[in-house]
Amino acid sequence: MSRSTSTSTSLATIILLVITFPIWFSIGAGLFGVAVGILGALFGVMVAILGICFAIITFPFKILFGSGDDWGWHFDIDLPFFHTNNGFLVLILVAIVIVLIQKRKSPARR
């Protein structure tokens, strides 16, 4: 009688596993999908941070040389008396102002 109970228990377990296999398989596939999605999101965030770093590094060069306007983003330095898409004129004006301020602060030499 012990052998009959053992066989029926094994048979019931096998039937239960076969019937519930799609449920367990779908739960496992869903968890795998969530894990892959989270890893993909982390990869996307890292690439976005890398892109931001490249943008920060190249932004001063874009201001100075005015390149990259063909990509749809226009950075024009709009001053009331002239329009330019590079920063050389502004850089020269800033340098002149710095030199004048430093000359004014330095003691008179005789």
Protein backbone atom coordinates (compact mmCIF):
# COMPACT_ATOMS: atom_id res chain seq x y z
CA MET A 1 0.00 0.00 0.00
CA SER A 2 2.89 2.29 0.60
CA ARG A 3 4.04 1.79 -2.99
CA SER A 4 0.59 2.71 -4.35
CA THR A 5 0.47 5.94 -2.32
CA SER A 6 3.96 6.88 -3.46
CA THR A 7 3.05 6.26 -7.10
CA SER A 8 -0.16 8.25 -6.91
CA THR A 9 1.65 11.12 -5.19
CA SER A 10 4.32 11.15 -7.90
CA LEU A 11 1.65 10.98 -10.60
CA ALA A 12 -0.30 13.85 -9.01
CA THR A 13 2.90 15.92 -8.78
CA ILE A 14 3.74 15.29 -12.45
CA ILE A 15 0.20 16.20 -13.56
CA LEU A 16 0.27 19.34 -11.40
CA LEU A 17 3.63 20.37 -12.90
CA VAL A 18 2.41 19.76 -16.46
CA ILE A 19 -0.79 21.71 -15.91
CA THR A 20 0.86 24.66 -14.12
CA PHE A 21 3.98 24.78 -16.36
CA PRO A 22 2.67 27.66 -18.54
CA ILE A 23 2.04 29.77 -15.44
CA TRP A 24 5.51 29.21 -13.99
CA PHE A 25 7.14 29.64 -17.39
CA SER A 26 5.35 32.96 -17.97
CA ILE A 27 6.28 34.22 -14.49
CA GLY A 28 9.93 33.31 -15.14
CA ALA A 29 9.89 34.94 -18.58
CA GLY A 30 8.30 38.05 -17.12
CA LEU A 31 10.96 38.32 -14.41
CA PHE A 32 13.65 37.79 -17.05
CA GLY A 33 12.09 40.57 -19.14
CA VAL A 34 12.03 42.93 -16.17
CA ALA A 35 15.70 42.21 -15.42
CA VAL A 36 16.72 42.78 -19.05
CA GLY A 37 14.62 45.96 -19.16
CA ILE A 38 16.29 47.33 -16.03
CA LEU A 39 19.75 46.55 -17.45
CA GLY A 40 18.77 48.24 -20.72
CA ALA A 41 17.57 51.31 -18.84
CA LEU A 42 20.84 51.48 -16.88
CA PHE A 43 22.80 51.20 -20.12
CA GLY A 44 20.69 53.99 -21.62
CA VAL A 45 21.30 56.24 -18.61
CA MET A 46 25.07 55.63 -18.80
CA VAL A 47 25.14 56.44 -22.51
CA ALA A 48 23.06 59.57 -21.89
CA ILE A 49 25.51 60.71 -19.20
CA LEU A 50 28.39 60.08 -21.62
CA GLY A 51 26.58 62.15 -24.24
CA ILE A 52 26.09 64.97 -21.75
CA CYS A 53 29.82 64.88 -20.94
CA PHE A 54 30.68 65.14 -24.64
CA ALA A 55 28.21 68.00 -25.04
CA ILE A 56 29.71 69.90 -22.10
CA ILE A 57 33.22 69.43 -23.51
CA THR A 58 32.29 70.50 -27.04
CA PHE A 59 29.97 73.40 -26.11
CA PRO A 60 32.72 76.04 -25.70
CA PHE A 61 34.17 75.08 -29.09
CA LYS A 62 30.73 75.36 -30.63
CA ILE A 63 30.33 78.83 -29.18
CA LEU A 64 33.75 79.91 -30.41
CA PHE A 65 33.70 78.39 -33.87
CA GLY A 66 29.97 78.40 -34.58
CA SER A 67 29.91 74.87 -35.94
CA GLY A 68 27.02 72.47 -35.65
CA ASP A 69 24.28 74.88 -36.72
CA ASP A 70 23.26 72.49 -39.49
CA TRP A 71 21.92 70.11 -36.86
CA GLY A 72 18.92 72.30 -36.15
CA TRP A 73 20.01 74.01 -32.94
CA HIS A 74 21.10 77.59 -33.49
CA PHE A 75 23.18 79.39 -30.92
CA ASP A 76 23.47 82.95 -32.14
CA ILE A 77 25.01 85.63 -29.99
CA ASP A 78 22.48 88.42 -30.44
CA LEU A 79 23.84 91.78 -29.40
CA PRO A 80 22.03 94.97 -30.36
CA PHE A 81 24.63 96.17 -32.85
CA PHE A 82 25.85 93.01 -34.60
CA HIS A 83 24.87 89.42 -35.28
CA THR A 84 27.39 86.61 -35.45
CA ASN A 85 27.32 82.90 -35.03
CA ASN A 86 30.82 82.56 -33.66
CA GLY A 87 32.32 83.92 -30.49
CA PHE A 88 35.59 85.36 -31.74
CA LEU A 89 34.36 88.94 -31.64
CA VAL A 90 32.86 88.47 -28.18
CA LEU A 91 36.07 86.79 -27.00
CA ILE A 92 38.14 89.72 -28.29
CA LEU A 93 35.83 92.20 -26.55
CA VAL A 94 36.09 90.28 -23.27
CA ALA A 95 39.90 90.17 -23.58
CA ILE A 96 40.03 93.95 -24.20
CA VAL A 97 37.85 94.61 -21.15
CA ILE A 98 40.06 92.36 -18.99
CA VAL A 99 43.23 94.13 -20.17
CA LEU A 100 41.71 97.56 -19.50
CA ILE A 101 40.59 96.55 -16.01
CA GLN A 102 44.02 95.15 -15.19
CA LYS A 103 45.75 98.32 -16.45
CA ARG A 104 43.45 100.44 -14.31
CA LYS A 105 44.20 98.37 -11.18
CA SER A 106 47.98 98.29 -11.64
CA PRO A 107 49.94 101.08 -9.89
CA ALA A 108 51.36 103.83 -12.08
CA ARG A 109 54.93 103.08 -13.10
CA ARG A 110 57.40 105.90 -13.57
